[in-house]
């Protein structure tokens, strides 16, 4: 099963770049330009059931990464989350939220490796 990836980033260039990298690897990627939009998308039962991973930026205009993840965890407590930020100092804001935090930039091969790892972990937990 090829799980959906929800990519949340208000920067259209970074979102499009990550989406292209993942799509070229054969991953199905849905992009949300805000945390609120991502939460709206999760109202769709089909996406909700197919979702295997969330990749989010830290700094967004409506909700920041930790705020978004707290709301996400209420709906999907076990979904793997990769937080990508250009600000290494904010990693401590994710303590207790069960995320993998990485600092930008992430080279494409490393992004693909992390995504493969997180999706494999998800599949092995649900198998």
PDB file of N, CA and C in Angstrom:
ATOM      1  N   UNK A   1       0.837  -1.186   0.000  1.00  0.00           N
ATOM      2  CA  UNK A   1       0.000   0.000   0.000  1.00  0.00           C
ATOM      3  C   UNK A   1       0.878   1.243   0.000  1.00  0.00           C
ATOM      4  N   UNK A   2       0.555   2.181  -0.871  1.00  0.00           N
ATOM      5  CA  UNK A   2       1.305   3.425  -0.960  1.00  0.00           C
ATOM      6  C   UNK A   2       0.544   4.496  -0.196  1.00  0.00           C
ATOM      7  N   UNK A   3       0.959   4.772   1.022  1.00  0.00           N
ATOM      8  CA  UNK A   3       0.268   5.719   1.887  1.00  0.00           C
ATOM      9  C   UNK A   3       0.415   7.144   1.385  1.00  0.00           C
ATOM     10  N   UNK A   4      -0.604   7.922   1.649  1.00  0.00           N
ATOM     11  CA  UNK A   4      -0.579   9.348   1.324  1.00  0.00           C
ATOM     12  C   UNK A   4       0.354  10.079   2.288  1.00  0.00           C
ATOM     13  N   UNK A   5       0.963  11.134   1.792  1.00  0.00           N
ATOM     14  CA  UNK A   5       1.779  12.022   2.612  1.00  0.00           C
ATOM     15  C   UNK A   5       1.116  13.387   2.576  1.00  0.00           C
ATOM     16  N   UNK A   6       0.880  13.960   3.747  1.00  0.00           N
ATOM     17  CA  UNK A   6       0.352  15.312   3.834  1.00  0.00           C
ATOM     18  C   UNK A   6       1.524  16.240   4.109  1.00  0.00           C
ATOM     19  N   UNK A   7       1.773  17.159   3.192  1.00  0.00           N
ATOM     20  CA  UNK A   7       2.884  18.099   3.269  1.00  0.00           C
ATOM     21  C   UNK A   7       2.322  19.478   3.590  1.00  0.00           C
ATOM     22  N   UNK A   8       2.713  20.033   4.730  1.00  0.00           N
ATOM     23  CA  UNK A   8       2.166  21.308   5.196  1.00  0.00           C
ATOM     24  C   UNK A   8       3.280  22.346   5.210  1.00  0.00           C
ATOM     25  N   UNK A   9       3.156  23.337   4.319  1.00  0.00           N
ATOM     26  CA  UNK A   9       4.180  24.384   4.234  1.00  0.00           C
ATOM     27  C   UNK A   9       3.571  25.593   3.542  1.00  0.00           C
ATOM     28  N   UNK A  10       3.692  26.755   4.148  1.00  0.00           N
ATOM     29  CA  UNK A  10       3.143  27.970   3.557  1.00  0.00           C
ATOM     30  C   UNK A  10       4.058  28.567   2.488  1.00  0.00           C
ATOM     31  N   UNK A  11       5.262  28.037   2.347  1.00  0.00           N
ATOM     32  CA  UNK A  11       6.186  28.512   1.318  1.00  0.00           C
ATOM     33  C   UNK A  11       5.975  27.665   0.060  1.00  0.00           C
ATOM     34  N   UNK A  12       5.361  28.233  -0.986  1.00  0.00           N
ATOM     35  CA  UNK A  12       5.018  27.436  -2.161  1.00  0.00           C
ATOM     36  C   UNK A  12       6.218  26.822  -2.879  1.00  0.00           C
ATOM     37  N   UNK A  13       7.356  27.503  -2.852  1.00  0.00           N
ATOM     38  CA  UNK A  13       8.538  26.968  -3.526  1.00  0.00           C
ATOM     39  C   UNK A  13       9.065  25.742  -2.784  1.00  0.00           C
ATOM     40  N   UNK A  14       9.174  25.845  -1.454  1.00  0.00           N
ATOM     41  CA  UNK A  14       9.652  24.700  -0.684  1.00  0.00           C
ATOM     42  C   UNK A  14       8.664  23.535  -0.745  1.00  0.00           C
ATOM     43  N   UNK A  15       7.375  23.845  -0.689  1.00  0.00           N
ATOM     44  CA  UNK A  15       6.366  22.789  -0.764  1.00  0.00           C
ATOM     45  C   UNK A  15       6.437  22.083  -2.118  1.00  0.00           C
ATOM     46  N   UNK A  16       6.529  22.855  -3.198  1.00  0.00           N
ATOM     47  CA  UNK A  16       6.581  22.271  -4.538  1.00  0.00           C
ATOM     48  C   UNK A  16       7.851  21.443  -4.729  1.00  0.00           C
ATOM     49  N   UNK A  17       8.959  21.913  -4.176  1.00  0.00           N
ATOM     50  CA  UNK A  17      10.217  21.168  -4.293  1.00  0.00           C
ATOM     51  C   UNK A  17      10.119  19.827  -3.581  1.00  0.00           C
ATOM     52  N   UNK A  18       9.640  19.837  -2.338  1.00  0.00           N
ATOM     53  CA  UNK A  18       9.506  18.577  -1.595  1.00  0.00           C
ATOM     54  C   UNK A  18       8.483  17.654  -2.256  1.00  0.00           C
ATOM     55  N   UNK A  19       7.397  18.238  -2.737  1.00  0.00           N
ATOM     56  CA  UNK A  19       6.378  17.437  -3.410  1.00  0.00           C
ATOM     57  C   UNK A  19       6.978  16.761  -4.648  1.00  0.00           C
ATOM     58  N   UNK A  20       7.751  17.496  -5.431  1.00  0.00           N
ATOM     59  CA  UNK A  20       8.365  16.938  -6.641  1.00  0.00           C
ATOM     60  C   UNK A  20       9.328  15.809  -6.289  1.00  0.00           C
ATOM     61  N   UNK A  21      10.147  16.004  -5.271  1.00  0.00           N
ATOM     62  CA  UNK A  21      11.105  14.969  -4.858  1.00  0.00           C
ATOM     63  C   UNK A  21      10.368  13.690  -4.477  1.00  0.00           C
ATOM     64  N   UNK A  22       9.330  13.842  -3.675  1.00  0.00           N
ATOM     65  CA  UNK A  22       8.588  12.669  -3.193  1.00  0.00           C
ATOM     66  C   UNK A  22       7.761  12.010  -4.306  1.00  0.00           C
ATOM     67  N   UNK A  23       7.184  12.823  -5.171  1.00  0.00           N
ATOM     68  CA  UNK A  23       6.380  12.290  -6.269  1.00  0.00           C
ATOM     69  C   UNK A  23       7.250  11.508  -7.250  1.00  0.00           C
ATOM     70  N   UNK A  24       8.456  12.018  -7.515  1.00  0.00           N
ATOM     71  CA  UNK A  24       9.364  11.301  -8.407  1.00  0.00           C
ATOM     72  C   UNK A  24       9.737   9.930  -7.851  1.00  0.00           C
ATOM     73  N   UNK A  25       9.685   9.777  -6.536  1.00  0.00           N
ATOM     74  CA  UNK A  25       9.955   8.498  -5.882  1.00  0.00           C
ATOM     75  C   UNK A  25       8.711   7.599  -5.888  1.00  0.00           C
ATOM     76  N   UNK A  26       7.589   8.128  -6.399  1.00  0.00           N
ATOM     77  CA  UNK A  26       6.372   7.333  -6.462  1.00  0.00           C
ATOM     78  C   UNK A  26       5.443   7.533  -5.280  1.00  0.00           C
ATOM     79  N   UNK A  27       5.714   8.526  -4.470  1.00  0.00           N
ATOM     80  CA  UNK A  27       4.860   8.806  -3.312  1.00  0.00           C
ATOM     81  C   UNK A  27       3.694   9.697  -3.719  1.00  0.00           C
ATOM     82  N   UNK A  28       2.568   9.499  -3.077  1.00  0.00           N
ATOM     83  CA  UNK A  28       1.398  10.357  -3.296  1.00  0.00           C
ATOM     84  C   UNK A  28       1.412  11.440  -2.228  1.00  0.00           C
ATOM     85  N   UNK A  29       1.415  12.694  -2.692  1.00  0.00           N
ATOM     86  CA  UNK A  29       1.589  13.831  -1.789  1.00  0.00           C
ATOM     87  C   UNK A  29       0.431  14.810  -1.957  1.00  0.00           C
ATOM     88  N   UNK A  30      -0.177  15.166  -0.841  1.00  0.00           N
ATOM     89  CA  UNK A  30      -1.193  16.210  -0.793  1.00  0.00           C
ATOM     90  C   UNK A  30      -0.542  17.403  -0.106  1.00  0.00           C
ATOM     91  N   UNK A  31      -0.666  18.593  -0.696  1.00  0.00           N
ATOM     92  CA  UNK A  31      -0.041  19.784  -0.129  1.00  0.00           C
ATOM     93  C   UNK A  31      -1.108  20.679   0.487  1.00  0.00           C
ATOM     94  N   UNK A  32      -0.824  21.138   1.695  1.00  0.00           N
ATOM     95  CA  UNK A  32      -1.652  22.142   2.360  1.00  0.00           C
ATOM     96  C   UNK A  32      -0.782  23.362   2.617  1.00  0.00           C
ATOM     97  N   UNK A  33      -1.306  24.542   2.298  1.00  0.00           N
ATOM     98  CA  UNK A  33      -0.506  25.761   2.453  1.00  0.00           C
ATOM     99  C   UNK A  33      -0.620  26.390   3.838  1.00  0.00           C
ATOM    100  N   UNK A  34      -1.319  25.714   4.738  1.00  0.00           N
ATOM    101  CA  UNK A  34      -1.420  26.192   6.118  1.00  0.00           C
ATOM    102  C   UNK A  34      -1.829  25.028   7.019  1.00  0.00           C
ATOM    103  N   UNK A  35      -1.603  25.197   8.294  1.00  0.00           N
ATOM    104  CA  UNK A  35      -2.007  24.164   9.249  1.00  0.00           C
ATOM    105  C   UNK A  35      -3.524  24.034   9.286  1.00  0.00           C
ATOM    106  N   UNK A  36      -4.231  25.167   9.204  1.00  0.00           N
ATOM    107  CA  UNK A  36      -5.695  25.099   9.189  1.00  0.00           C
ATOM    108  C   UNK A  36      -6.194  24.321   7.980  1.00  0.00           C
ATOM    109  N   UNK A  37      -5.580  24.556   6.827  1.00  0.00           N
ATOM    110  CA  UNK A  37      -5.983  23.833   5.614  1.00  0.00           C
ATOM    111  C   UNK A  37      -5.703  22.339   5.778  1.00  0.00           C
ATOM    112  N   UNK A  38      -4.588  22.001   6.376  1.00  0.00           N
ATOM    113  CA  UNK A  38      -4.264  20.589   6.609  1.00  0.00           C
ATOM    114  C   UNK A  38      -5.327  19.926   7.476  1.00  0.00           C
ATOM    115  N   UNK A  39      -5.740  20.609   8.537  1.00  0.00           N
ATOM    116  CA  UNK A  39      -6.773  20.055   9.414  1.00  0.00           C
ATOM    117  C   UNK A  39      -8.105  19.917   8.677  1.00  0.00           C
ATOM    118  N   UNK A  40      -8.415  20.859   7.796  1.00  0.00           N
ATOM    119  CA  UNK A  40      -9.624  20.760   6.977  1.00  0.00           C
ATOM    120  C   UNK A  40      -9.549  19.542   6.061  1.00  0.00           C
ATOM    121  N   UNK A  41      -8.399  19.331   5.434  1.00  0.00           N
ATOM    122  CA  UNK A  41      -8.231  18.189   4.544  1.00  0.00           C
ATOM    123  C   UNK A  41      -8.452  16.874   5.278  1.00  0.00           C
ATOM    124  N   UNK A  42      -8.074  16.827   6.548  1.00  0.00           N
ATOM    125  CA  UNK A  42      -8.221  15.596   7.327  1.00  0.00           C
ATOM    126  C   UNK A  42      -9.670  15.288   7.680  1.00  0.00           C
ATOM    127  N   UNK A  43     -10.579  16.200   7.368  1.00  0.00           N
ATOM    128  CA  UNK A  43     -12.001  15.923   7.537  1.00  0.00           C
ATOM    129  C   UNK A  43     -12.478  14.914   6.494  1.00  0.00           C
ATOM    130  N   UNK A  44     -11.724  14.790   5.406  1.00  0.00           N
ATOM    131  CA  UNK A  44     -12.058  13.825   4.355  1.00  0.00           C
ATOM    132  C   UNK A  44     -11.708  12.423   4.834  1.00  0.00           C
ATOM    133  N   UNK A  45     -12.691  11.576   4.973  1.00  0.00           N
ATOM    134  CA  UNK A  45     -12.486  10.232   5.530  1.00  0.00           C
ATOM    135  C   UNK A  45     -11.522   9.406   4.684  1.00  0.00           C
ATOM    136  N   UNK A  46     -11.565   9.575   3.372  1.00  0.00           N
ATOM    137  CA  UNK A  46     -10.679   8.806   2.493  1.00  0.00           C
ATOM    138  C   UNK A  46      -9.214   9.173   2.734  1.00  0.00           C
ATOM    139  N   UNK A  47      -8.927  10.468   2.798  1.00  0.00           N
ATOM    140  CA  UNK A  47      -7.551  10.899   3.076  1.00  0.00           C
ATOM    141  C   UNK A  47      -7.146  10.477   4.481  1.00  0.00           C
ATOM    142  N   UNK A  48      -8.037  10.669   5.439  1.00  0.00           N
ATOM    143  CA  UNK A  48      -7.750  10.317   6.825  1.00  0.00           C
ATOM    144  C   UNK A  48      -7.313   8.857   6.930  1.00  0.00           C
ATOM    145  N   UNK A  49      -8.028   7.973   6.245  1.00  0.00           N
ATOM    146  CA  UNK A  49      -7.703   6.546   6.346  1.00  0.00           C
ATOM    147  C   UNK A  49      -6.474   6.157   5.536  1.00  0.00           C
ATOM    148  N   UNK A  50      -6.136   6.939   4.513  1.00  0.00           N
ATOM    149  CA  UNK A  50      -4.984   6.604   3.660  1.00  0.00           C
ATOM    150  C   UNK A  50      -3.694   7.277   4.114  1.00  0.00           C
ATOM    151  N   UNK A  51      -3.799   8.203   5.044  1.00  0.00           N
ATOM    152  CA  UNK A  51      -2.632   8.990   5.430  1.00  0.00           C
ATOM    153  C   UNK A  51      -1.612   8.147   6.185  1.00  0.00           C
ATOM    154  N   UNK A  52      -0.356   8.255   5.754  1.00  0.00           N
ATOM    155  CA  UNK A  52       0.707   7.498   6.391  1.00  0.00           C
ATOM    156  C   UNK A  52       1.767   8.362   7.051  1.00  0.00           C
ATOM    157  N   UNK A  53       1.798   9.662   6.702  1.00  0.00           N
ATOM    158  CA  UNK A  53       2.866  10.528   7.188  1.00  0.00           C
ATOM    159  C   UNK A  53       2.460  11.982   7.005  1.00  0.00           C
ATOM    160  N   UNK A  54       2.862  12.811   7.964  1.00  0.00           N
ATOM    161  CA  UNK A  54       2.698  14.259   7.855  1.00  0.00           C
ATOM    162  C   UNK A  54       4.093  14.881   7.904  1.00  0.00           C
ATOM    163  N   UNK A  55       4.358  15.760   6.944  1.00  0.00           N
ATOM    164  CA  UNK A  55       5.588  16.552   6.940  1.00  0.00           C
ATOM    165  C   UNK A  55       5.153  18.001   7.091  1.00  0.00           C
ATOM    166  N   UNK A  56       5.689  18.682   8.083  1.00  0.00           N
ATOM    167  CA  UNK A  56       5.273  20.058   8.318  1.00  0.00           C
ATOM    168  C   UNK A  56       6.451  20.979   8.581  1.00  0.00           C
ATOM    169  N   UNK A  57       6.241  22.207   8.228  1.00  0.00           N
ATOM    170  CA  UNK A  57       7.173  23.276   8.548  1.00  0.00           C
ATOM    171  C   UNK A  57       6.895  23.721   9.984  1.00  0.00           C
ATOM    172  N   UNK A  58       7.819  24.421  10.572  1.00  0.00           N
ATOM    173  CA  UNK A  58       7.610  24.935  11.923  1.00  0.00           C
ATOM    174  C   UNK A  58       6.866  26.270  11.892  1.00  0.00           C
ATOM    175  N   UNK A  59       7.393  27.212  11.137  1.00  0.00           N
ATOM    176  CA  UNK A  59       6.864  28.559  11.159  1.00  0.00           C
ATOM    177  C   UNK A  59       5.826  28.743  10.060  1.00  0.00           C
ATOM    178  N   UNK A  60       4.565  28.910  10.465  1.00  0.00           N
ATOM    179  CA  UNK A  60       3.476  29.152   9.527  1.00  0.00           C
ATOM    180  C   UNK A  60       2.611  30.270  10.091  1.00  0.00           C
ATOM    181  N   UNK A  61       1.888  30.985   9.252  1.00  0.00           N
ATOM    182  CA  UNK A  61       1.182  32.180   9.714  1.00  0.00           C
ATOM    183  C   UNK A  61      -0.005  31.928  10.655  1.00  0.00           C
ATOM    184  N   UNK A  62      -0.704  30.829  10.524  1.00  0.00           N
ATOM    185  CA  UNK A  62      -1.899  30.654  11.338  1.00  0.00           C
ATOM    186  C   UNK A  62      -1.632  29.890  12.632  1.00  0.00           C
ATOM    187  N   UNK A  63      -1.036  28.751  12.524  1.00  0.00           N
ATOM    188  CA  UNK A  63      -0.629  27.944  13.673  1.00  0.00           C
ATOM    189  C   UNK A  63       0.817  27.547  13.441  1.00  0.00           C
ATOM    190  N   UNK A  64       1.650  27.599  14.467  1.00  0.00           N
ATOM    191  CA  UNK A  64       3.014  27.117  14.268  1.00  0.00           C
ATOM    192  C   UNK A  64       3.029  25.592  14.376  1.00  0.00           C
ATOM    193  N   UNK A  65       4.167  25.006  14.125  1.00  0.00           N
ATOM    194  CA  UNK A  65       4.278  23.551  14.116  1.00  0.00           C
ATOM    195  C   UNK A  65       3.771  22.868  15.374  1.00  0.00           C
ATOM    196  N   UNK A  66       4.234  23.260  16.564  1.00  0.00           N
ATOM    197  CA  UNK A  66       3.757  22.596  17.781  1.00  0.00           C
ATOM    198  C   UNK A  66       2.244  22.723  17.984  1.00  0.00           C
ATOM    199  N   UNK A  67       1.677  23.893  17.688  1.00  0.00           N
ATOM    200  CA  UNK A  67       0.228  24.069  17.815  1.00  0.00           C
ATOM    201  C   UNK A  67      -0.515  23.142  16.865  1.00  0.00           C
ATOM    202  N   UNK A  68      -0.040  23.075  15.625  1.00  0.00           N
ATOM    203  CA  UNK A  68      -0.647  22.196  14.634  1.00  0.00           C
ATOM    204  C   UNK A  68      -0.557  20.734  15.075  1.00  0.00           C
ATOM    205  N   UNK A  69       0.601  20.324  15.540  1.00  0.00           N
ATOM    206  CA  UNK A  69       0.791  18.921  15.921  1.00  0.00           C
ATOM    207  C   UNK A  69      -0.070  18.552  17.127  1.00  0.00           C
ATOM    208  N   UNK A  70      -0.234  19.476  18.064  1.00  0.00           N
ATOM    209  CA  UNK A  70      -1.121  19.189  19.193  1.00  0.00           C
ATOM    210  C   UNK A  70      -2.541  18.905  18.712  1.00  0.00           C
ATOM    211  N   UNK A  71      -3.030  19.683  17.759  1.00  0.00           N
ATOM    212  CA  UNK A  71      -4.363  19.449  17.202  1.00  0.00           C
ATOM    213  C   UNK A  71      -4.395  18.161  16.372  1.00  0.00           C
ATOM    214  N   UNK A  72      -3.345  17.935  15.603  1.00  0.00           N
ATOM    215  CA  UNK A  72      -3.252  16.717  14.802  1.00  0.00           C
ATOM    216  C   UNK A  72      -3.273  15.472  15.688  1.00  0.00           C
ATOM    217  N   UNK A  73      -2.548  15.502  16.785  1.00  0.00           N
ATOM    218  CA  UNK A  73      -2.450  14.353  17.697  1.00  0.00           C
ATOM    219  C   UNK A  73      -3.801  13.995  18.320  1.00  0.00           C
ATOM    220  N   UNK A  74      -4.693  14.968  18.468  1.00  0.00           N
ATOM    221  CA  UNK A  74      -6.034  14.664  18.980  1.00  0.00           C
ATOM    222  C   UNK A  74      -6.801  13.774  18.014  1.00  0.00           C
ATOM    223  N   UNK A  75      -6.560  13.964  16.715  1.00  0.00           N
ATOM    224  CA  UNK A  75      -7.250  13.182  15.684  1.00  0.00           C
ATOM    225  C   UNK A  75      -6.478  11.922  15.309  1.00  0.00           C
ATOM    226  N   UNK A  76      -5.157  12.043  15.276  1.00  0.00           N
ATOM    227  CA  UNK A  76      -4.309  10.950  14.793  1.00  0.00           C
ATOM    228  C   UNK A  76      -3.108  10.795  15.728  1.00  0.00           C
ATOM    229  N   UNK A  77      -3.296  10.173  16.872  1.00  0.00           N
ATOM    230  CA  UNK A  77      -2.214  10.119  17.860  1.00  0.00           C
ATOM    231  C   UNK A  77      -0.972   9.360  17.410  1.00  0.00           C
ATOM    232  N   UNK A  78      -1.109   8.431  16.474  1.00  0.00           N
ATOM    233  CA  UNK A  78       0.033   7.590  16.102  1.00  0.00           C
ATOM    234  C   UNK A  78       0.662   7.940  14.755  1.00  0.00           C
ATOM    235  N   UNK A  79       0.138   8.944  14.056  1.00  0.00           N
ATOM    236  CA  UNK A  79       0.672   9.261  12.727  1.00  0.00           C
ATOM    237  C   UNK A  79       2.114   9.768  12.841  1.00  0.00           C
ATOM    238  N   UNK A  80       3.021   9.244  12.030  1.00  0.00           N
ATOM    239  CA  UNK A  80       4.388   9.774  12.036  1.00  0.00           C
ATOM    240  C   UNK A  80       4.403  11.219  11.526  1.00  0.00           C
ATOM    241  N   UNK A  81       5.224  12.042  12.156  1.00  0.00           N
ATOM    242  CA  UNK A  81       5.334  13.443  11.769  1.00  0.00           C
ATOM    243  C   UNK A  81       6.806  13.802  11.643  1.00  0.00           C
ATOM    244  N   UNK A  82       7.135  14.404  10.507  1.00  0.00           N
ATOM    245  CA  UNK A  82       8.465  14.958  10.276  1.00  0.00           C
ATOM    246  C   UNK A  82       8.326  16.475  10.284  1.00  0.00           C
ATOM    247  N   UNK A  83       9.049  17.132  11.181  1.00  0.00           N
ATOM    248  CA  UNK A  83       9.071  18.590  11.239  1.00  0.00           C
ATOM    249  C   UNK A  83      10.359  19.049  10.591  1.00  0.00           C
ATOM    250  N   UNK A  84      10.228  19.979   9.641  1.00  0.00           N
ATOM    251  CA  UNK A  84      11.373  20.519   8.926  1.00  0.00           C
ATOM    252  C   UNK A  84      11.414  22.014   9.203  1.00  0.00           C
ATOM    253  N   UNK A  85      12.527  22.483   9.740  1.00  0.00           N
ATOM    254  CA  UNK A  85      12.627  23.899  10.093  1.00  0.00           C
ATOM    255  C   UNK A  85      14.029  24.422   9.830  1.00  0.00           C
ATOM    256  N   UNK A  86      14.093  25.673   9.484  1.00  0.00           N
ATOM    257  CA  UNK A  86      15.374  26.336   9.338  1.00  0.00           C
ATOM    258  C   UNK A  86      15.896  26.893  10.658  1.00  0.00           C
ATOM    259  N   UNK A  87      15.153  26.647  11.735  1.00  0.00           N
ATOM    260  CA  UNK A  87      15.522  27.192  13.043  1.00  0.00           C
ATOM    261  C   UNK A  87      15.801  26.051  14.024  1.00  0.00           C
ATOM    262  N   UNK A  88      17.050  25.615  14.140  1.00  0.00           N
ATOM    263  CA  UNK A  88      17.365  24.492  15.017  1.00  0.00           C
ATOM    264  C   UNK A  88      16.970  24.719  16.475  1.00  0.00           C
ATOM    265  N   UNK A  89      16.941  25.965  16.909  1.00  0.00           N
ATOM    266  CA  UNK A  89      16.644  26.264  18.309  1.00  0.00           C
ATOM    267  C   UNK A  89      15.212  25.925  18.711  1.00  0.00           C
ATOM    268  N   UNK A  90      14.314  25.736  17.746  1.00  0.00           N
ATOM    269  CA  UNK A  90      12.916  25.459  18.093  1.00  0.00           C
ATOM    270  C   UNK A  90      12.645  23.978  18.343  1.00  0.00           C
ATOM    271  N   UNK A  91      13.643  23.134  18.155  1.00  0.00           N
ATOM    272  CA  UNK A  91      13.426  21.694  18.328  1.00  0.00           C
ATOM    273  C   UNK A  91      12.841  21.371  19.705  1.00  0.00           C
ATOM    274  N   UNK A  92      13.268  22.093  20.735  1.00  0.00           N
ATOM    275  CA  UNK A  92      12.786  21.820  22.089  1.00  0.00           C
ATOM    276  C   UNK A  92      11.281  22.058  22.237  1.00  0.00           C
ATOM    277  N   UNK A  93      10.684  22.835  21.348  1.00  0.00           N
ATOM    278  CA  UNK A  93       9.236  23.080  21.403  1.00  0.00           C
ATOM    279  C   UNK A  93       8.430  21.829  21.062  1.00  0.00           C
ATOM    280  N   UNK A  94       9.096  20.806  20.537  1.00  0.00           N
ATOM    281  CA  UNK A  94       8.424  19.574  20.120  1.00  0.00           C
ATOM    282  C   UNK A  94       8.564  18.437  21.133  1.00  0.00           C
ATOM    283  N   UNK A  95       9.168  18.740  22.273  1.00  0.00           N
ATOM    284  CA  UNK A  95       9.337  17.728  23.307  1.00  0.00           C
ATOM    285  C   UNK A  95       7.971  17.151  23.694  1.00  0.00           C
ATOM    286  N   UNK A  96       7.875  15.831  23.689  1.00  0.00           N
ATOM    287  CA  UNK A  96       6.642  15.158  24.070  1.00  0.00           C
ATOM    288  C   UNK A  96       5.612  15.039  22.966  1.00  0.00           C
ATOM    289  N   UNK A  97       5.904  15.556  21.769  1.00  0.00           N
ATOM    290  CA  UNK A  97       4.937  15.499  20.671  1.00  0.00           C
ATOM    291  C   UNK A  97       5.202  14.348  19.697  1.00  0.00           C
ATOM    292  N   UNK A  98       6.209  13.530  19.979  1.00  0.00           N
ATOM    293  CA  UNK A  98       6.503  12.345  19.176  1.00  0.00           C
ATOM    294  C   UNK A  98       6.680  12.674  17.694  1.00  0.00           C
ATOM    295  N   UNK A  99       7.659  13.540  17.419  1.00  0.00           N
ATOM    296  CA  UNK A  99       7.970  13.911  16.040  1.00  0.00           C
ATOM    297  C   UNK A  99       9.445  13.659  15.766  1.00  0.00           C
ATOM    298  N   UNK A 100       9.776  13.597  14.500  1.00  0.00           N
ATOM    299  CA  UNK A 100      11.167  13.595  14.076  1.00  0.00           C
ATOM    300  C   UNK A 100      11.451  15.006  13.564  1.00  0.00           C
ATOM    301  N   UNK A 101      12.439  15.660  14.135  1.00  0.00           N
ATOM    302  CA  UNK A 101      12.764  17.045  13.785  1.00  0.00           C
ATOM    303  C   UNK A 101      14.046  17.063  12.971  1.00  0.00           C
ATOM    304  N   UNK A 102      14.030  17.768  11.851  1.00  0.00           N
ATOM    305  CA  UNK A 102      15.220  17.932  11.024  1.00  0.00           C
ATOM    306  C   UNK A 102      15.348  19.396  10.616  1.00  0.00           C
ATOM    307  N   UNK A 103      16.592  19.850  10.540  1.00  0.00           N
ATOM    308  CA  UNK A 103      16.877  21.226  10.155  1.00  0.00           C
ATOM    309  C   UNK A 103      17.063  21.319   8.646  1.00  0.00           C
ATOM    310  N   UNK A 104      16.469  22.364   8.059  1.00  0.00           N
ATOM    311  CA  UNK A 104      16.652  22.643   6.631  1.00  0.00           C
ATOM    312  C   UNK A 104      18.058  23.180   6.415  1.00  0.00           C
ATOM    313  N   UNK A 105      18.577  22.993   5.245  1.00  0.00           N
ATOM    314  CA  UNK A 105      18.028  22.231   4.131  1.00  0.00           C
ATOM    315  C   UNK A 105      18.273  20.729   4.316  1.00  0.00           C
ATOM    316  N   UNK A 106      17.365  19.959   3.769  1.00  0.00           N
ATOM    317  CA  UNK A 106      17.511  18.502   3.768  1.00  0.00           C
ATOM    318  C   UNK A 106      17.757  18.077   2.325  1.00  0.00           C
ATOM    319  N   UNK A 107      18.897  17.463   2.051  1.00  0.00           N
ATOM    320  CA  UNK A 107      19.156  17.000   0.689  1.00  0.00           C
ATOM    321  C   UNK A 107      18.088  15.983   0.261  1.00  0.00           C
ATOM    322  N   UNK A 108      17.755  15.945  -1.023  1.00  0.00           N
ATOM    323  CA  UNK A 108      16.701  15.044  -1.500  1.00  0.00           C
ATOM    324  C   UNK A 108      16.889  13.592  -1.075  1.00  0.00           C
ATOM    325  N   UNK A 109      18.118  13.059  -1.173  1.00  0.00           N
ATOM    326  CA  UNK A 109      18.312  11.655  -0.803  1.00  0.00           C
ATOM    327  C   UNK A 109      18.054  11.424   0.675  1.00  0.00           C
ATOM    328  N   UNK A 110      18.388  12.406   1.506  1.00  0.00           N
ATOM    329  CA  UNK A 110      18.129  12.276   2.937  1.00  0.00           C
ATOM    330  C   UNK A 110      16.622  12.378   3.221  1.00  0.00           C
ATOM    331  N   UNK A 111      15.928  13.280   2.541  1.00  0.00           N
ATOM    332  CA  UNK A 111      14.474  13.393   2.702  1.00  0.00           C
ATOM    333  C   UNK A 111      13.805  12.074   2.335  1.00  0.00           C
ATOM    334  N   UNK A 112      14.192  11.504   1.221  1.00  0.00           N
ATOM    335  CA  UNK A 112      13.605  10.235   0.786  1.00  0.00           C
ATOM    336  C   UNK A 112      13.895   9.115   1.781  1.00  0.00           C
ATOM    337  N   UNK A 113      15.087   9.090   2.302  1.00  0.00           N
ATOM    338  CA  UNK A 113      15.457   8.075   3.284  1.00  0.00           C
ATOM    339  C   UNK A 113      14.628   8.213   4.566  1.00  0.00           C
ATOM    340  N   UNK A 114      14.447   9.429   5.036  1.00  0.00           N
ATOM    341  CA  UNK A 114      13.650   9.673   6.244  1.00  0.00           C
ATOM    342  C   UNK A 114      12.200   9.269   6.009  1.00  0.00           C
ATOM    343  N   UNK A 115      11.650   9.651   4.871  1.00  0.00           N
ATOM    344  CA  UNK A 115      10.259   9.313   4.553  1.00  0.00           C
ATOM    345  C   UNK A 115      10.087   7.801   4.472  1.00  0.00           C
ATOM    346  N   UNK A 116      11.000   7.121   3.793  1.00  0.00           N
ATOM    347  CA  UNK A 116      10.929   5.658   3.710  1.00  0.00           C
ATOM    348  C   UNK A 116      10.959   5.036   5.103  1.00  0.00           C
ATOM    349  N   UNK A 117      11.849   5.526   5.945  1.00  0.00           N
ATOM    350  CA  UNK A 117      11.974   5.013   7.308  1.00  0.00           C
ATOM    351  C   UNK A 117      10.673   5.211   8.092  1.00  0.00           C
ATOM    352  N   UNK A 118      10.136   6.428   8.057  1.00  0.00           N
ATOM    353  CA  UNK A 118       8.924   6.721   8.830  1.00  0.00           C
ATOM    354  C   UNK A 118       7.730   5.917   8.324  1.00  0.00           C
ATOM    355  N   UNK A 119       7.609   5.770   7.012  1.00  0.00           N
ATOM    356  CA  UNK A 119       6.492   4.985   6.474  1.00  0.00           C
ATOM    357  C   UNK A 119       6.668   3.496   6.779  1.00  0.00           C
ATOM    358  N   UNK A 120       7.901   3.003   6.725  1.00  0.00           N
ATOM    359  CA  UNK A 120       8.159   1.601   7.100  1.00  0.00           C
ATOM    360  C   UNK A 120       7.802   1.364   8.549  1.00  0.00           C
ATOM    361  N   UNK A 121       8.178   2.295   9.431  1.00  0.00           N
ATOM    362  CA  UNK A 121       7.845   2.178  10.853  1.00  0.00           C
ATOM    363  C   UNK A 121       6.336   2.152  11.041  1.00  0.00           C
ATOM    364  N   UNK A 122       5.639   3.007  10.305  1.00  0.00           N
ATOM    365  CA  UNK A 122       4.168   3.080  10.401  1.00  0.00           C
ATOM    366  C   UNK A 122       3.550   1.759   9.974  1.00  0.00           C
ATOM    367  N   UNK A 123       4.039   1.217   8.876  1.00  0.00           N
ATOM    368  CA  UNK A 123       3.486  -0.048   8.358  1.00  0.00           C
ATOM    369  C   UNK A 123       3.751  -1.202   9.337  1.00  0.00           C
ATOM    370  N   UNK A 124       4.917  -1.213   9.940  1.00  0.00           N
ATOM    371  CA  UNK A 124       5.241  -2.315  10.855  1.00  0.00           C
ATOM    372  C   UNK A 124       4.428  -2.218  12.155  1.00  0.00           C
ATOM    373  N   UNK A 125       4.036  -1.010  12.549  1.00  0.00           N
ATOM    374  CA  UNK A 125       3.200  -0.846  13.748  1.00  0.00           C
ATOM    375  C   UNK A 125       1.759  -1.243  13.501  1.00  0.00           C
ATOM    376  N   UNK A 126       1.297  -1.059  12.248  1.00  0.00           N
ATOM    377  CA  UNK A 126      -0.107  -1.361  11.944  1.00  0.00           C
ATOM    378  C   UNK A 126      -0.300  -2.754  11.381  1.00  0.00           C
ATOM    379  N   UNK A 127       0.806  -3.457  11.114  1.00  0.00           N
ATOM    380  CA  UNK A 127       0.698  -4.801  10.524  1.00  0.00           C
ATOM    381  C   UNK A 127       0.318  -5.838  11.569  1.00  0.00           C
TER     382      UNK A 127
END
